[in-house]
Amino acid sequence: MAFINAAAQAVERSISDVLRHIGENPRREGLKDTPRRYIKALREFTSGYDDAPAEILSTVFKDESFDEMIILRGIEFQSLCEHHLMPFVGTATVGYIPDPEIGIVGLSKLARVASPRSLWTTAASFGAAA
């Protein structure tokens, strides 16, 4: 996939500069496509940044009545540390007690909100939110 916009090209040049700064040759075979691959990976890691949790959670099952806690464990997530721009991965657990007036949120929706893959989410802040 070719990234042709000016911003992506500027980032590609910057990544090439970083490679040169650490003593690598960005033109060598193993690295020549690294700047483009880096941009693609960064977009994947931050792909959920613009998701709207309220919109995702708006689909509910109103016909169901349930007054016990619903727990979903083992939700895989990935993100980037805001201090180092390094990826990290983990698992989260989400639990809630449904409000009978609102309904029950589907498990896939909980997982989608819990794994936003959003930029600037740190391990510490994710753990505090879980």
N, C-alpha and C. Protein backbone atom coordinates (compact mmCIF):
# COMPACT_ATOMS: atom_id res chain seq x y z
N MET A 1 0.85 -1.17 0.00
CA MET A 1 0.00 0.00 0.00
C MET A 1 0.89 1.24 0.00
N ALA A 2 0.71 2.09 -0.95
CA ALA A 2 1.53 3.30 -1.04
C ALA A 2 0.85 4.45 -0.30
N PHE A 3 1.57 5.08 0.57
CA PHE A 3 1.06 6.26 1.26
C PHE A 3 1.55 7.47 0.49
N ILE A 4 0.63 8.19 -0.10
CA ILE A 4 1.04 9.26 -1.00
C ILE A 4 0.80 10.65 -0.44
N ASN A 5 0.14 10.78 0.71
CA ASN A 5 -0.10 12.14 1.19
C ASN A 5 1.18 12.71 1.80
N ALA A 6 1.23 14.02 1.84
CA ALA A 6 2.44 14.73 2.26
C ALA A 6 2.82 14.41 3.70
N ALA A 7 1.85 14.30 4.59
CA ALA A 7 2.16 14.02 5.99
C ALA A 7 2.82 12.65 6.13
N ALA A 8 2.29 11.65 5.44
CA ALA A 8 2.87 10.31 5.51
C ALA A 8 4.27 10.31 4.94
N GLN A 9 4.49 11.03 3.87
CA GLN A 9 5.83 11.11 3.28
C GLN A 9 6.80 11.78 4.24
N ALA A 10 6.33 12.80 4.96
CA ALA A 10 7.19 13.47 5.94
C ALA A 10 7.56 12.51 7.07
N VAL A 11 6.60 11.71 7.52
CA VAL A 11 6.87 10.74 8.58
C VAL A 11 7.85 9.69 8.06
N GLU A 12 7.67 9.22 6.84
CA GLU A 12 8.60 8.25 6.26
C GLU A 12 10.03 8.81 6.27
N ARG A 13 10.18 10.06 5.87
CA ARG A 13 11.51 10.69 5.88
C ARG A 13 12.05 10.76 7.31
N SER A 14 11.19 11.09 8.26
CA SER A 14 11.62 11.18 9.66
C SER A 14 12.07 9.83 10.19
N ILE A 15 11.36 8.78 9.84
CA ILE A 15 11.75 7.44 10.29
C ILE A 15 13.08 7.06 9.66
N SER A 16 13.29 7.41 8.40
CA SER A 16 14.59 7.18 7.76
C SER A 16 15.69 7.93 8.51
N ASP A 17 15.38 9.15 8.94
CA ASP A 17 16.36 9.94 9.71
C ASP A 17 16.67 9.26 11.04
N VAL A 18 15.67 8.71 11.71
CA VAL A 18 15.88 8.00 12.97
C VAL A 18 16.78 6.80 12.73
N LEU A 19 16.52 6.05 11.67
CA LEU A 19 17.36 4.90 11.36
C LEU A 19 18.82 5.32 11.14
N ARG A 20 19.01 6.41 10.40
CA ARG A 20 20.38 6.91 10.20
C ARG A 20 20.99 7.33 11.53
N HIS A 21 20.21 7.96 12.37
CA HIS A 21 20.70 8.45 13.67
C HIS A 21 21.22 7.31 14.54
N ILE A 22 20.60 6.14 14.45
CA ILE A 22 21.06 5.00 15.26
C ILE A 22 22.10 4.16 14.54
N GLY A 23 22.60 4.68 13.40
CA GLY A 23 23.69 4.01 12.70
C GLY A 23 23.27 3.01 11.65
N GLU A 24 22.02 2.99 11.28
CA GLU A 24 21.54 2.07 10.25
C GLU A 24 21.50 2.74 8.89
N ASN A 25 21.46 1.93 7.87
CA ASN A 25 21.33 2.42 6.51
C ASN A 25 19.89 2.16 6.06
N PRO A 26 19.04 3.19 6.01
CA PRO A 26 17.64 2.98 5.66
C PRO A 26 17.44 2.49 4.23
N ARG A 27 18.50 2.47 3.42
CA ARG A 27 18.38 2.00 2.04
C ARG A 27 18.74 0.52 1.88
N ARG A 28 19.25 -0.08 2.96
CA ARG A 28 19.61 -1.49 2.83
C ARG A 28 18.35 -2.34 2.70
N GLU A 29 18.51 -3.51 2.13
CA GLU A 29 17.37 -4.37 1.78
C GLU A 29 16.39 -4.58 2.93
N GLY A 30 16.86 -4.92 4.10
CA GLY A 30 15.96 -5.22 5.22
C GLY A 30 15.24 -4.01 5.79
N LEU A 31 15.74 -2.81 5.48
CA LEU A 31 15.15 -1.59 6.07
C LEU A 31 14.47 -0.67 5.06
N LYS A 32 14.62 -0.94 3.79
CA LYS A 32 14.15 0.04 2.80
C LYS A 32 12.65 0.31 2.87
N ASP A 33 11.85 -0.66 3.31
CA ASP A 33 10.41 -0.44 3.43
C ASP A 33 9.97 -0.20 4.88
N THR A 34 10.92 -0.13 5.80
CA THR A 34 10.59 0.03 7.22
C THR A 34 9.81 1.31 7.51
N PRO A 35 10.17 2.46 6.96
CA PRO A 35 9.37 3.65 7.26
C PRO A 35 7.89 3.50 6.88
N ARG A 36 7.62 2.88 5.75
CA ARG A 36 6.23 2.67 5.31
C ARG A 36 5.55 1.65 6.23
N ARG A 37 6.28 0.58 6.58
CA ARG A 37 5.71 -0.42 7.49
C ARG A 37 5.43 0.18 8.87
N TYR A 38 6.30 1.08 9.31
CA TYR A 38 6.12 1.73 10.61
C TYR A 38 4.82 2.54 10.62
N ILE A 39 4.58 3.30 9.57
CA ILE A 39 3.35 4.09 9.48
C ILE A 39 2.13 3.17 9.50
N LYS A 40 2.19 2.09 8.76
CA LYS A 40 1.07 1.13 8.73
C LYS A 40 0.83 0.56 10.12
N ALA A 41 1.89 0.16 10.81
CA ALA A 41 1.76 -0.40 12.16
C ALA A 41 1.20 0.63 13.13
N LEU A 42 1.67 1.86 13.02
CA LEU A 42 1.17 2.93 13.89
C LEU A 42 -0.32 3.16 13.68
N ARG A 43 -0.75 3.12 12.44
CA ARG A 43 -2.18 3.27 12.14
C ARG A 43 -2.98 2.11 12.73
N GLU A 44 -2.45 0.91 12.66
CA GLU A 44 -3.14 -0.25 13.23
C GLU A 44 -3.23 -0.13 14.75
N PHE A 45 -2.13 0.26 15.39
CA PHE A 45 -2.12 0.39 16.85
C PHE A 45 -3.07 1.47 17.34
N THR A 46 -3.33 2.47 16.53
CA THR A 46 -4.18 3.58 16.95
C THR A 46 -5.53 3.57 16.24
N SER A 47 -5.89 2.46 15.65
CA SER A 47 -7.09 2.41 14.81
C SER A 47 -8.39 2.66 15.57
N GLY A 48 -8.42 2.44 16.86
CA GLY A 48 -9.66 2.65 17.61
C GLY A 48 -9.75 4.00 18.27
N TYR A 49 -8.78 4.86 18.03
CA TYR A 49 -8.71 6.16 18.70
C TYR A 49 -9.96 7.00 18.50
N ASP A 50 -10.57 6.92 17.35
CA ASP A 50 -11.74 7.75 17.06
C ASP A 50 -13.06 7.04 17.34
N ASP A 51 -13.02 5.82 17.86
CA ASP A 51 -14.26 5.13 18.19
C ASP A 51 -15.01 5.89 19.28
N ALA A 52 -16.32 5.88 19.22
CA ALA A 52 -17.16 6.54 20.21
C ALA A 52 -17.79 5.48 21.12
N PRO A 53 -17.28 5.32 22.35
CA PRO A 53 -17.80 4.29 23.24
C PRO A 53 -19.32 4.36 23.44
N ALA A 54 -19.87 5.55 23.58
CA ALA A 54 -21.31 5.67 23.79
C ALA A 54 -22.09 5.11 22.60
N GLU A 55 -21.57 5.34 21.41
CA GLU A 55 -22.23 4.81 20.21
C GLU A 55 -22.13 3.28 20.17
N ILE A 56 -20.96 2.76 20.50
CA ILE A 56 -20.76 1.31 20.50
C ILE A 56 -21.69 0.65 21.51
N LEU A 57 -21.82 1.26 22.68
CA LEU A 57 -22.62 0.67 23.75
C LEU A 57 -24.12 0.94 23.62
N SER A 58 -24.52 1.66 22.59
CA SER A 58 -25.93 2.01 22.44
C SER A 58 -26.79 0.83 21.98
N THR A 59 -26.19 -0.21 21.46
CA THR A 59 -26.93 -1.40 21.06
C THR A 59 -27.09 -2.30 22.28
N VAL A 60 -28.32 -2.47 22.73
CA VAL A 60 -28.59 -3.26 23.93
C VAL A 60 -29.74 -4.23 23.69
N PHE A 61 -29.83 -5.20 24.58
CA PHE A 61 -30.94 -6.16 24.57
C PHE A 61 -31.91 -5.72 25.66
N LYS A 62 -33.05 -5.17 25.27
CA LYS A 62 -34.01 -4.65 26.24
C LYS A 62 -35.00 -5.70 26.72
N ASP A 63 -35.12 -6.79 26.01
CA ASP A 63 -36.08 -7.83 26.39
C ASP A 63 -35.57 -8.69 27.54
N GLU A 64 -34.31 -8.56 27.85
CA GLU A 64 -33.71 -9.40 28.88
C GLU A 64 -33.73 -8.69 30.23
N SER A 65 -33.95 -9.43 31.28
CA SER A 65 -33.89 -8.91 32.63
C SER A 65 -32.79 -9.68 33.36
N PHE A 66 -31.86 -8.96 33.91
CA PHE A 66 -30.71 -9.60 34.55
C PHE A 66 -30.23 -8.69 35.65
N ASP A 67 -30.15 -9.18 36.88
CA ASP A 67 -29.78 -8.32 37.99
C ASP A 67 -28.46 -8.73 38.65
N GLU A 68 -27.68 -9.55 37.95
CA GLU A 68 -26.38 -9.96 38.48
C GLU A 68 -25.28 -9.32 37.64
N MET A 69 -24.09 -9.29 38.22
CA MET A 69 -22.96 -8.71 37.51
C MET A 69 -22.60 -9.56 36.29
N ILE A 70 -22.36 -8.89 35.19
CA ILE A 70 -21.88 -9.53 33.97
C ILE A 70 -20.39 -9.24 33.87
N ILE A 71 -19.61 -10.28 33.70
CA ILE A 71 -18.15 -10.13 33.66
C ILE A 71 -17.62 -10.74 32.37
N LEU A 72 -16.77 -10.01 31.71
CA LEU A 72 -16.09 -10.50 30.52
C LEU A 72 -14.60 -10.44 30.80
N ARG A 73 -13.94 -11.59 30.77
CA ARG A 73 -12.51 -11.68 31.08
C ARG A 73 -11.70 -11.96 29.82
N GLY A 74 -10.42 -11.65 29.91
CA GLY A 74 -9.49 -12.02 28.85
C GLY A 74 -9.62 -11.21 27.58
N ILE A 75 -10.04 -9.95 27.70
CA ILE A 75 -10.16 -9.08 26.53
C ILE A 75 -8.75 -8.62 26.15
N GLU A 76 -8.30 -9.01 25.00
CA GLU A 76 -6.96 -8.62 24.57
C GLU A 76 -6.98 -7.18 24.09
N PHE A 77 -5.93 -6.42 24.43
CA PHE A 77 -5.81 -5.06 23.95
C PHE A 77 -4.37 -4.77 23.59
N GLN A 78 -4.20 -3.77 22.77
CA GLN A 78 -2.86 -3.30 22.42
C GLN A 78 -2.92 -1.79 22.30
N SER A 79 -1.83 -1.15 22.62
CA SER A 79 -1.79 0.30 22.54
C SER A 79 -0.34 0.75 22.47
N LEU A 80 -0.15 2.06 22.61
CA LEU A 80 1.18 2.64 22.62
C LEU A 80 1.39 3.42 23.90
N CYS A 81 2.55 3.27 24.49
CA CYS A 81 2.91 4.06 25.65
C CYS A 81 3.13 5.50 25.19
N GLU A 82 2.47 6.43 25.85
CA GLU A 82 2.59 7.83 25.42
C GLU A 82 3.97 8.43 25.70
N HIS A 83 4.71 7.82 26.60
CA HIS A 83 6.03 8.37 26.93
C HIS A 83 7.13 7.87 26.02
N HIS A 84 6.97 6.68 25.46
CA HIS A 84 8.03 6.07 24.66
C HIS A 84 7.60 5.70 23.25
N LEU A 85 6.31 5.82 22.95
CA LEU A 85 5.75 5.39 21.67
C LEU A 85 6.09 3.93 21.37
N MET A 86 6.14 3.15 22.44
CA MET A 86 6.41 1.72 22.29
C MET A 86 5.11 0.96 22.51
N PRO A 87 4.89 -0.10 21.74
CA PRO A 87 3.66 -0.87 21.91
C PRO A 87 3.67 -1.69 23.19
N PHE A 88 2.49 -1.89 23.73
CA PHE A 88 2.32 -2.84 24.81
C PHE A 88 1.00 -3.56 24.60
N VAL A 89 0.92 -4.75 25.15
CA VAL A 89 -0.28 -5.58 25.00
C VAL A 89 -0.66 -6.12 26.36
N GLY A 90 -1.89 -6.52 26.48
CA GLY A 90 -2.34 -7.10 27.74
C GLY A 90 -3.75 -7.63 27.62
N THR A 91 -4.31 -7.98 28.76
CA THR A 91 -5.70 -8.42 28.80
C THR A 91 -6.42 -7.61 29.86
N ALA A 92 -7.71 -7.43 29.64
CA ALA A 92 -8.53 -6.65 30.57
C ALA A 92 -9.74 -7.48 30.97
N THR A 93 -10.33 -7.09 32.09
CA THR A 93 -11.58 -7.67 32.57
C THR A 93 -12.56 -6.53 32.78
N VAL A 94 -13.78 -6.71 32.29
CA VAL A 94 -14.82 -5.70 32.44
C VAL A 94 -16.01 -6.35 33.13
N GLY A 95 -16.56 -5.65 34.10
CA GLY A 95 -17.76 -6.14 34.77
C GLY A 95 -18.73 -5.00 34.99
N TYR A 96 -20.01 -5.30 34.92
CA TYR A 96 -21.02 -4.28 35.21
C TYR A 96 -22.32 -4.96 35.60
N ILE A 97 -23.16 -4.21 36.29
CA ILE A 97 -24.49 -4.66 36.64
C ILE A 97 -25.46 -3.92 35.73
N PRO A 98 -26.20 -4.64 34.90
CA PRO A 98 -27.09 -4.00 33.95
C PRO A 98 -28.19 -3.18 34.63
N ASP A 99 -28.52 -2.08 34.03
CA ASP A 99 -29.64 -1.24 34.47
C ASP A 99 -30.88 -1.73 33.73
N PRO A 100 -31.91 -2.16 34.45
CA PRO A 100 -33.09 -2.71 33.77
C PRO A 100 -33.77 -1.71 32.83
N GLU A 101 -33.59 -0.43 33.09
CA GLU A 101 -34.20 0.58 32.23
C GLU A 101 -33.43 0.78 30.92
N ILE A 102 -32.17 0.39 30.93
CA ILE A 102 -31.32 0.57 29.73
C ILE A 102 -31.23 -0.73 28.94
N GLY A 103 -31.01 -1.84 29.59
CA GLY A 103 -30.87 -3.12 28.92
C GLY A 103 -29.50 -3.71 29.14
N ILE A 104 -29.24 -4.79 28.44
CA ILE A 104 -27.97 -5.51 28.56
C ILE A 104 -27.12 -5.25 27.32
N VAL A 105 -25.88 -4.88 27.56
CA VAL A 105 -24.94 -4.66 26.46
C VAL A 105 -24.36 -6.00 26.04
N GLY A 106 -24.27 -6.23 24.74
CA GLY A 106 -23.69 -7.46 24.24
C GLY A 106 -22.22 -7.58 24.58
N LEU A 107 -21.77 -8.81 24.79
CA LEU A 107 -20.38 -9.03 25.17
C LEU A 107 -19.39 -8.52 24.13
N SER A 108 -19.74 -8.66 22.86
CA SER A 108 -18.81 -8.18 21.82
C SER A 108 -18.64 -6.67 21.89
N LYS A 109 -19.68 -5.96 22.33
CA LYS A 109 -19.59 -4.50 22.46
C LYS A 109 -18.67 -4.13 23.62
N LEU A 110 -18.78 -4.88 24.73
CA LEU A 110 -17.88 -4.63 25.86
C LEU A 110 -16.43 -4.83 25.44
N ALA A 111 -16.18 -5.90 24.72
CA ALA A 111 -14.81 -6.19 24.28
C ALA A 111 -14.32 -5.09 23.35
N ARG A 112 -15.18 -4.60 22.48
CA ARG A 112 -14.78 -3.56 21.52
C ARG A 112 -14.40 -2.26 22.24
N VAL A 113 -15.15 -1.91 23.27
CA VAL A 113 -14.85 -0.69 24.01
C VAL A 113 -13.59 -0.86 24.86
N ALA A 114 -13.39 -2.06 25.39
CA ALA A 114 -12.24 -2.30 26.26
C ALA A 114 -10.93 -2.43 25.50
N SER A 115 -10.99 -2.65 24.20
CA SER A 115 -9.75 -2.81 23.43
C SER A 115 -9.67 -1.78 22.32
N PRO A 116 -9.61 -0.49 22.69
CA PRO A 116 -9.64 0.55 21.67
C PRO A 116 -8.39 0.69 20.84
N ARG A 117 -7.29 0.12 21.29
CA ARG A 117 -6.02 0.30 20.57
C ARG A 117 -5.75 1.77 20.34
N SER A 118 -5.97 2.56 21.35
CA SER A 118 -5.85 4.00 21.16
C SER A 118 -4.49 4.53 21.58
N LEU A 119 -4.07 5.55 20.90
CA LEU A 119 -2.82 6.23 21.20
C LEU A 119 -2.95 6.96 22.53
N TRP A 120 -1.87 7.00 23.27
CA TRP A 120 -1.75 7.72 24.52
C TRP A 120 -2.39 6.99 25.70
N THR A 121 -2.77 5.75 25.51
CA THR A 121 -3.24 4.96 26.64
C THR A 121 -2.02 4.28 27.25
N THR A 122 -1.74 4.58 28.48
CA THR A 122 -0.60 3.93 29.14
C THR A 122 -1.08 2.73 29.92
N ALA A 123 -0.18 1.85 30.23
CA ALA A 123 -0.54 0.66 30.99
C ALA A 123 -1.15 1.05 32.33
N ALA A 124 -0.57 2.06 32.98
CA ALA A 124 -1.07 2.47 34.29
C ALA A 124 -2.48 3.05 34.20
N SER A 125 -2.73 3.89 33.20
CA SER A 125 -4.06 4.50 33.11
C SER A 125 -5.10 3.47 32.66
N PHE A 126 -4.70 2.50 31.85
CA PHE A 126 -5.64 1.47 31.43
C PHE A 126 -6.02 0.63 32.64
N GLY A 127 -5.03 0.30 33.45
CA GLY A 127 -5.32 -0.49 34.64
C GLY A 127 -6.21 0.26 35.62
N ALA A 128 -6.04 1.57 35.69
CA ALA A 128 -6.87 2.37 36.59
C ALA A 128 -8.30 2.43 36.10
N ALA A 129 -8.49 2.36 34.79
CA ALA A 129 -9.82 2.46 34.23
C ALA A 129 -10.55 1.13 34.25
N ALA A 130 -9.81 0.04 34.34
CA ALA A 130 -10.43 -1.29 34.25
C ALA A 130 -11.10 -1.70 35.54
